[in-house]
Amino acid sequence: MPNGGPDNCSTCGFNRCNRGVWRNPAPDESQPPFCEIRGVPIFNDHWTYCQNWHTRTPAPVGPIYASGMYDQSYRRIPWHGAVAPEPIGSGICNECSGPVHDGLSIPAMEGAPLAFCCNLHYLQWWKRQHPDEDAPWSESIWER
């Protein structure tokens, strides 16, 4: 089982390299990971998730999730549309203006990437950017 849990994109039937087979024991390694229902490349497929792995429906259900910062356990945080949050070594938090040490970032359209010191601050920013969307797999972050 991959370290990110068994329900990740590397084992999803909608990942092009798995050719429709969930937990495919022989994926097509010549194909890069690519989500066929969302039309996006998946660069870190063992640590990327969505609800469609569970529903197995071909219409997108909810956002794509990345494994966020470790906070007593790994927390799943939603992508910003087709853009995955990435680790960042240092910066200034976009939410609290505090220092970021081993945080999260999202590329900006212009200028430096947006940095976040914790999963909660990223999620607060994400919710303002996506007010009509829900990220149920991130609910435990709000409760902290």
Protein backbone atom coordinates (compact mmCIF):
# COMPACT_ATOMS: atom_id res chain seq x y z
CA MET A 1 0.00 0.00 0.00
CA PRO A 2 1.38 3.45 -0.84
CA ASN A 3 2.18 5.64 2.15
CA GLY A 4 -0.62 8.07 1.21
CA GLY A 5 -3.33 5.50 1.87
CA PRO A 6 -4.99 2.97 -0.43
CA ASP A 7 -7.48 5.40 -2.03
CA ASN A 8 -5.05 7.57 -3.96
CA CYS A 9 -4.73 8.37 -7.65
CA SER A 10 -2.05 5.73 -8.20
CA THR A 11 -4.70 3.04 -7.59
CA CYS A 12 -7.64 4.80 -9.29
CA GLY A 13 -9.29 3.36 -12.36
CA PHE A 14 -9.71 6.90 -13.76
CA ASN A 15 -5.92 7.30 -13.84
CA ARG A 16 -5.02 6.72 -17.49
CA CYS A 17 -2.14 4.37 -16.63
CA ASN A 18 -4.56 2.03 -14.81
CA ARG A 19 -6.82 1.58 -17.85
CA GLY A 20 -10.05 1.46 -15.82
CA VAL A 21 -8.80 -1.01 -13.22
CA TRP A 22 -8.87 -0.03 -9.53
CA ARG A 23 -5.76 -1.13 -7.64
CA ASN A 24 -4.30 -2.27 -10.93
CA PRO A 25 -1.41 -4.66 -10.16
CA ALA A 26 0.13 -3.93 -13.59
CA PRO A 27 -0.38 -0.25 -14.52
CA ASP A 28 0.95 0.97 -17.87
CA GLU A 29 4.17 2.59 -16.68
CA SER A 30 4.69 4.17 -20.12
CA GLN A 31 1.71 6.47 -19.37
CA PRO A 32 2.22 9.36 -16.94
CA PRO A 33 -0.46 9.64 -14.24
CA PHE A 34 -3.38 11.58 -15.72
CA CYS A 35 -6.94 11.97 -14.42
CA GLU A 36 -9.22 11.14 -17.30
CA ILE A 37 -12.39 12.56 -15.72
CA ARG A 38 -10.83 15.92 -14.79
CA GLY A 39 -8.34 16.21 -17.63
CA VAL A 40 -5.33 17.03 -15.43
CA PRO A 41 -1.89 15.49 -14.98
CA ILE A 42 -1.29 14.08 -11.52
CA PHE A 43 2.33 14.64 -10.55
CA ASN A 44 2.23 13.05 -7.10
CA ASP A 45 -0.29 10.26 -7.56
CA HIS A 46 0.45 8.38 -4.32
CA TRP A 47 -0.45 11.53 -2.34
CA THR A 48 -3.39 12.81 -4.45
CA TYR A 49 -7.04 11.88 -3.87
CA CYS A 50 -10.65 12.57 -4.84
CA GLN A 51 -14.06 11.25 -3.91
CA ASN A 52 -14.46 9.57 -7.31
CA TRP A 53 -12.12 6.80 -6.17
CA HIS A 54 -14.91 5.81 -3.77
CA THR A 55 -17.96 6.62 -5.90
CA ARG A 56 -16.40 5.35 -9.14
CA THR A 57 -18.66 7.73 -11.04
CA PRO A 58 -17.20 9.35 -14.18
CA ALA A 59 -18.48 12.85 -13.32
CA PRO A 60 -16.18 14.80 -10.95
CA VAL A 61 -17.31 14.74 -7.31
CA GLY A 62 -15.77 17.51 -5.20
CA PRO A 63 -12.24 18.81 -5.51
CA ILE A 64 -8.98 16.98 -6.01
CA TYR A 65 -7.08 16.73 -2.72
CA ALA A 66 -3.39 16.77 -1.86
CA SER A 67 -1.86 15.50 1.32
CA GLY A 68 -1.26 18.69 3.29
CA MET A 69 1.17 19.38 6.07
CA TYR A 70 1.57 16.73 8.75
CA ASP A 71 -0.48 17.83 11.79
CA GLN A 72 -0.86 14.85 14.17
CA SER A 73 -1.65 12.95 10.96
CA TYR A 74 -1.73 13.73 7.27
CA ARG A 75 -4.60 16.03 6.34
CA ARG A 76 -6.18 16.20 2.92
CA ILE A 77 -6.43 19.69 1.48
CA PRO A 78 -8.22 20.68 -1.74
CA TRP A 79 -6.42 21.75 -4.86
CA HIS A 80 -6.98 25.28 -6.13
CA GLY A 81 -8.91 24.16 -9.21
CA ALA A 82 -6.37 22.26 -11.33
CA VAL A 83 -3.42 23.55 -9.28
CA ALA A 84 -1.98 21.41 -6.50
CA PRO A 85 -0.64 23.01 -3.30
CA GLU A 86 3.09 22.44 -3.05
CA PRO A 87 5.57 22.36 -0.18
CA ILE A 88 7.57 25.54 0.41
CA GLY A 89 10.58 25.91 2.67
CA SER A 90 10.13 29.50 3.76
CA GLY A 91 8.13 32.63 3.16
CA ILE A 92 5.52 34.89 4.71
CA CYS A 93 2.04 33.46 5.33
CA ASN A 94 -0.61 34.97 3.06
CA GLU A 95 -3.17 34.74 5.89
CA CYS A 96 -1.42 35.74 9.12
CA SER A 97 1.73 37.45 7.78
CA GLY A 98 3.77 35.19 10.05
CA PRO A 99 6.87 33.30 8.98
CA VAL A 100 6.49 30.10 6.99
CA HIS A 101 8.87 27.26 7.77
CA ASP A 102 8.12 24.13 5.76
CA GLY A 103 4.65 25.27 4.70
CA LEU A 104 2.43 25.20 1.63
CA SER A 105 2.35 27.33 -1.50
CA ILE A 106 0.20 28.00 -4.52
CA PRO A 107 1.66 29.61 -7.65
CA ALA A 108 0.39 33.16 -8.19
CA MET A 109 -0.65 34.52 -11.59
CA GLU A 110 1.86 37.32 -11.13
CA GLY A 111 4.69 37.51 -8.65
CA ALA A 112 5.82 35.15 -5.93
CA PRO A 113 3.79 32.08 -4.95
CA LEU A 114 1.28 32.48 -2.13
CA ALA A 115 2.66 30.87 1.03
CA PHE A 116 0.79 29.41 3.99
CA CYS A 117 2.16 28.45 7.39
CA CYS A 118 -0.42 25.73 8.07
CA ASN A 119 -3.25 23.70 6.54
CA LEU A 120 -5.87 25.87 8.25
CA HIS A 121 -4.58 29.11 6.73
CA TYR A 122 -4.44 27.51 3.29
CA LEU A 123 -8.00 26.22 3.73
CA GLN A 124 -9.27 29.64 4.86
CA TRP A 125 -7.76 31.19 1.72
CA TRP A 126 -9.11 28.34 -0.46
CA LYS A 127 -12.65 28.80 0.87
CA ARG A 128 -12.63 32.51 -0.07
CA GLN A 129 -11.46 31.56 -3.57
CA HIS A 130 -14.09 28.79 -3.87
CA PRO A 131 -17.09 30.06 -1.84
CA ASP A 132 -19.59 27.73 -3.51
CA GLU A 133 -17.47 24.58 -3.13
CA ASP A 134 -17.12 22.19 -0.23
CA ALA A 135 -14.11 20.15 0.79
CA PRO A 136 -15.55 17.51 3.14
CA TRP A 137 -12.26 15.63 3.44
CA SER A 138 -10.73 18.76 5.01
CA GLU A 139 -13.34 19.16 7.76
CA SER A 140 -10.99 17.90 10.47
CA ILE A 141 -8.73 20.91 9.78
CA TRP A 142 -11.51 23.34 10.72
CA GLU A 143 -12.03 21.47 14.00
CA ARG A 144 -8.44 21.95 15.18
